[in-house]
Amino acid sequence: MSDFTEAPPLFFDKQSVAKYNFDKLTKLAAPVACISAVHCGRNAKAATSDDAGGRDSVTFFARGAAVMLTCDL
């Protein structure tokens, strides 16, 4: 198991992912940027993250944070 200490964890729901990511960001002790999506098109504001390919309407970044892209944008 010691070979997997740096492996990203897997979660079964989006709330657990959000909590894990928030905890990791706060432990960096760095400023956190909050990036809001630009909604364009009919019904875009009402779309869920599932409708948007899993992307949330707000994303948080911090210097030193690991980022995993799950699809080629």
N, C-alpha and C. Protein backbone atom coordinates (compact mmCIF):
# COMPACT_ATOMS: atom_id res chain seq x y z
N MET A 1 0.81 -1.20 0.00
CA MET A 1 0.00 0.00 0.00
C MET A 1 0.86 1.27 0.00
N SER A 2 2.09 1.17 0.47
CA SER A 2 2.93 2.37 0.53
C SER A 2 3.23 2.94 -0.86
N ASP A 3 3.08 2.11 -1.90
CA ASP A 3 3.29 2.59 -3.27
C ASP A 3 2.18 3.55 -3.72
N PHE A 4 1.06 3.57 -3.02
CA PHE A 4 -0.10 4.33 -3.45
C PHE A 4 -0.40 5.54 -2.57
N THR A 5 0.55 5.99 -1.77
CA THR A 5 0.28 7.11 -0.88
C THR A 5 0.04 8.42 -1.63
N GLU A 6 0.56 8.55 -2.83
CA GLU A 6 0.37 9.77 -3.62
C GLU A 6 -0.72 9.62 -4.68
N ALA A 7 -1.38 8.48 -4.73
CA ALA A 7 -2.43 8.25 -5.71
C ALA A 7 -3.67 9.07 -5.35
N PRO A 8 -4.37 9.61 -6.35
CA PRO A 8 -5.60 10.35 -6.04
C PRO A 8 -6.67 9.42 -5.50
N PRO A 9 -7.41 9.86 -4.48
CA PRO A 9 -8.46 9.00 -3.93
C PRO A 9 -9.68 8.97 -4.85
N LEU A 10 -10.47 7.93 -4.71
CA LEU A 10 -11.72 7.79 -5.46
C LEU A 10 -12.88 7.99 -4.50
N PHE A 11 -13.91 8.70 -4.96
CA PHE A 11 -15.09 8.97 -4.14
C PHE A 11 -16.34 8.52 -4.86
N PHE A 12 -17.40 8.27 -4.12
CA PHE A 12 -18.64 7.80 -4.72
C PHE A 12 -19.67 8.91 -4.91
N ASP A 13 -19.40 10.13 -4.38
CA ASP A 13 -20.34 11.22 -4.60
C ASP A 13 -19.60 12.55 -4.72
N LYS A 14 -20.26 13.52 -5.33
CA LYS A 14 -19.64 14.81 -5.61
C LYS A 14 -19.40 15.63 -4.35
N GLN A 15 -20.22 15.43 -3.33
CA GLN A 15 -20.04 16.16 -2.07
C GLN A 15 -18.73 15.76 -1.40
N SER A 16 -18.39 14.49 -1.44
CA SER A 16 -17.13 14.03 -0.85
C SER A 16 -15.94 14.59 -1.62
N VAL A 17 -16.06 14.66 -2.92
CA VAL A 17 -14.99 15.23 -3.75
C VAL A 17 -14.80 16.70 -3.40
N ALA A 18 -15.90 17.44 -3.31
CA ALA A 18 -15.82 18.88 -3.00
C ALA A 18 -15.19 19.10 -1.63
N LYS A 19 -15.57 18.30 -0.63
CA LYS A 19 -14.99 18.45 0.71
C LYS A 19 -13.50 18.14 0.70
N TYR A 20 -13.11 17.07 0.04
CA TYR A 20 -11.70 16.69 -0.04
C TYR A 20 -10.89 17.81 -0.71
N ASN A 21 -11.39 18.31 -1.84
CA ASN A 21 -10.68 19.37 -2.55
C ASN A 21 -10.58 20.64 -1.72
N PHE A 22 -11.66 21.00 -1.02
CA PHE A 22 -11.64 22.19 -0.17
C PHE A 22 -10.62 22.03 0.95
N ASP A 23 -10.61 20.86 1.58
CA ASP A 23 -9.64 20.61 2.66
C ASP A 23 -8.21 20.71 2.15
N LYS A 24 -7.94 20.16 0.97
CA LYS A 24 -6.60 20.24 0.40
C LYS A 24 -6.20 21.68 0.08
N LEU A 25 -7.14 22.46 -0.46
CA LEU A 25 -6.84 23.86 -0.77
C LEU A 25 -6.53 24.66 0.48
N THR A 26 -7.30 24.47 1.54
CA THR A 26 -7.06 25.24 2.76
C THR A 26 -5.73 24.86 3.41
N LYS A 27 -5.29 23.63 3.26
CA LYS A 27 -4.01 23.21 3.84
C LYS A 27 -2.81 23.80 3.11
N LEU A 28 -3.02 24.31 1.89
CA LEU A 28 -1.92 24.92 1.15
C LEU A 28 -1.52 26.27 1.73
N ALA A 29 -2.41 26.88 2.49
CA ALA A 29 -2.15 28.20 3.06
C ALA A 29 -1.75 29.21 1.99
N ALA A 30 -2.43 29.16 0.86
CA ALA A 30 -2.19 30.07 -0.26
C ALA A 30 -3.52 30.72 -0.64
N PRO A 31 -3.47 31.89 -1.25
CA PRO A 31 -4.72 32.50 -1.71
C PRO A 31 -5.45 31.56 -2.68
N VAL A 32 -6.77 31.54 -2.57
CA VAL A 32 -7.60 30.69 -3.42
C VAL A 32 -8.37 31.56 -4.40
N ALA A 33 -8.26 31.23 -5.68
CA ALA A 33 -9.01 31.95 -6.71
C ALA A 33 -10.32 31.22 -6.97
N CYS A 34 -11.40 31.96 -7.01
CA CYS A 34 -12.72 31.42 -7.29
C CYS A 34 -13.09 31.85 -8.71
N ILE A 35 -13.17 30.90 -9.61
CA ILE A 35 -13.46 31.18 -11.02
C ILE A 35 -14.89 30.75 -11.32
N SER A 36 -15.72 31.70 -11.72
CA SER A 36 -17.12 31.40 -12.06
C SER A 36 -17.25 31.22 -13.57
N ALA A 37 -18.09 30.28 -13.95
CA ALA A 37 -18.33 30.01 -15.36
C ALA A 37 -19.12 31.16 -15.98
N VAL A 38 -18.92 31.35 -17.26
CA VAL A 38 -19.71 32.29 -18.03
C VAL A 38 -20.81 31.48 -18.69
N HIS A 39 -22.04 31.78 -18.32
CA HIS A 39 -23.19 31.04 -18.85
C HIS A 39 -23.68 31.74 -20.11
N CYS A 40 -23.69 31.02 -21.21
CA CYS A 40 -24.23 31.59 -22.44
C CYS A 40 -25.10 30.54 -23.11
N GLY A 41 -26.01 30.97 -23.86
CA GLY A 41 -26.93 30.03 -24.49
C GLY A 41 -28.20 29.89 -23.68
N ARG A 42 -29.21 29.44 -24.34
CA ARG A 42 -30.50 29.26 -23.71
C ARG A 42 -30.42 28.18 -22.63
N ASN A 43 -30.95 28.46 -21.46
CA ASN A 43 -31.03 27.53 -20.33
C ASN A 43 -29.67 27.15 -19.74
N ALA A 44 -28.62 27.87 -20.09
CA ALA A 44 -27.29 27.52 -19.59
C ALA A 44 -27.19 27.68 -18.08
N LYS A 45 -27.80 28.73 -17.53
CA LYS A 45 -27.72 28.93 -16.08
C LYS A 45 -28.42 27.83 -15.29
N ALA A 46 -29.42 27.21 -15.89
CA ALA A 46 -30.17 26.16 -15.21
C ALA A 46 -29.54 24.78 -15.39
N ALA A 47 -28.49 24.69 -16.19
CA ALA A 47 -27.87 23.39 -16.47
C ALA A 47 -27.16 22.86 -15.23
N THR A 48 -27.16 21.55 -15.07
CA THR A 48 -26.45 20.92 -13.96
C THR A 48 -25.00 20.66 -14.38
N SER A 49 -24.18 20.27 -13.42
CA SER A 49 -22.80 19.95 -13.76
C SER A 49 -22.74 18.72 -14.68
N ASP A 50 -23.69 17.82 -14.54
CA ASP A 50 -23.75 16.65 -15.44
C ASP A 50 -24.03 17.09 -16.88
N ASP A 51 -24.88 18.11 -17.03
CA ASP A 51 -25.16 18.64 -18.37
C ASP A 51 -23.92 19.29 -18.99
N ALA A 52 -23.03 19.76 -18.13
CA ALA A 52 -21.83 20.46 -18.59
C ALA A 52 -20.60 19.56 -18.57
N GLY A 53 -20.80 18.29 -18.74
CA GLY A 53 -19.68 17.36 -18.78
C GLY A 53 -18.98 17.19 -17.45
N GLY A 54 -19.69 17.41 -16.34
CA GLY A 54 -19.11 17.24 -15.02
C GLY A 54 -18.48 18.50 -14.45
N ARG A 55 -18.43 19.57 -15.22
CA ARG A 55 -17.83 20.81 -14.73
C ARG A 55 -18.83 21.60 -13.91
N ASP A 56 -18.39 22.11 -12.78
CA ASP A 56 -19.24 22.93 -11.92
C ASP A 56 -19.24 24.37 -12.40
N SER A 57 -20.21 25.15 -11.93
CA SER A 57 -20.28 26.55 -12.34
C SER A 57 -19.23 27.40 -11.64
N VAL A 58 -18.66 26.89 -10.55
CA VAL A 58 -17.60 27.59 -9.82
C VAL A 58 -16.46 26.60 -9.60
N THR A 59 -15.23 27.05 -9.87
CA THR A 59 -14.05 26.22 -9.68
C THR A 59 -13.05 27.00 -8.84
N PHE A 60 -12.38 26.31 -7.94
CA PHE A 60 -11.40 26.93 -7.06
C PHE A 60 -10.00 26.46 -7.42
N PHE A 61 -9.06 27.39 -7.46
CA PHE A 61 -7.66 27.09 -7.75
C PHE A 61 -6.77 27.79 -6.73
N ALA A 62 -5.61 27.22 -6.49
CA ALA A 62 -4.61 27.86 -5.64
C ALA A 62 -3.23 27.47 -6.15
N ARG A 63 -2.29 28.35 -5.96
CA ARG A 63 -0.91 28.05 -6.35
C ARG A 63 -0.44 26.83 -5.56
N GLY A 64 0.10 25.86 -6.27
CA GLY A 64 0.59 24.65 -5.63
C GLY A 64 -0.44 23.53 -5.58
N ALA A 65 -1.68 23.81 -5.99
CA ALA A 65 -2.71 22.77 -5.97
C ALA A 65 -2.56 21.85 -7.18
N ALA A 66 -2.78 20.58 -6.95
CA ALA A 66 -2.77 19.62 -8.05
C ALA A 66 -4.09 19.74 -8.82
N VAL A 67 -4.01 19.63 -10.14
CA VAL A 67 -5.21 19.72 -10.98
C VAL A 67 -5.22 18.50 -11.87
N MET A 68 -6.39 17.86 -11.96
CA MET A 68 -6.53 16.69 -12.81
C MET A 68 -7.58 16.99 -13.88
N LEU A 69 -7.16 16.94 -15.13
CA LEU A 69 -8.10 17.10 -16.23
C LEU A 69 -8.65 15.72 -16.59
N THR A 70 -9.95 15.63 -16.70
CA THR A 70 -10.57 14.34 -16.98
C THR A 70 -11.03 14.20 -18.43
N CYS A 71 -10.89 15.27 -19.20
CA CYS A 71 -11.22 15.20 -20.63
C CYS A 71 -10.45 16.30 -21.35
N ASP A 72 -10.26 16.13 -22.63
CA ASP A 72 -9.57 17.12 -23.43
C ASP A 72 -10.56 18.21 -23.82
N LEU A 73 -10.33 19.42 -23.30
CA LEU A 73 -11.25 20.52 -23.60
C LEU A 73 -10.84 21.20 -24.88
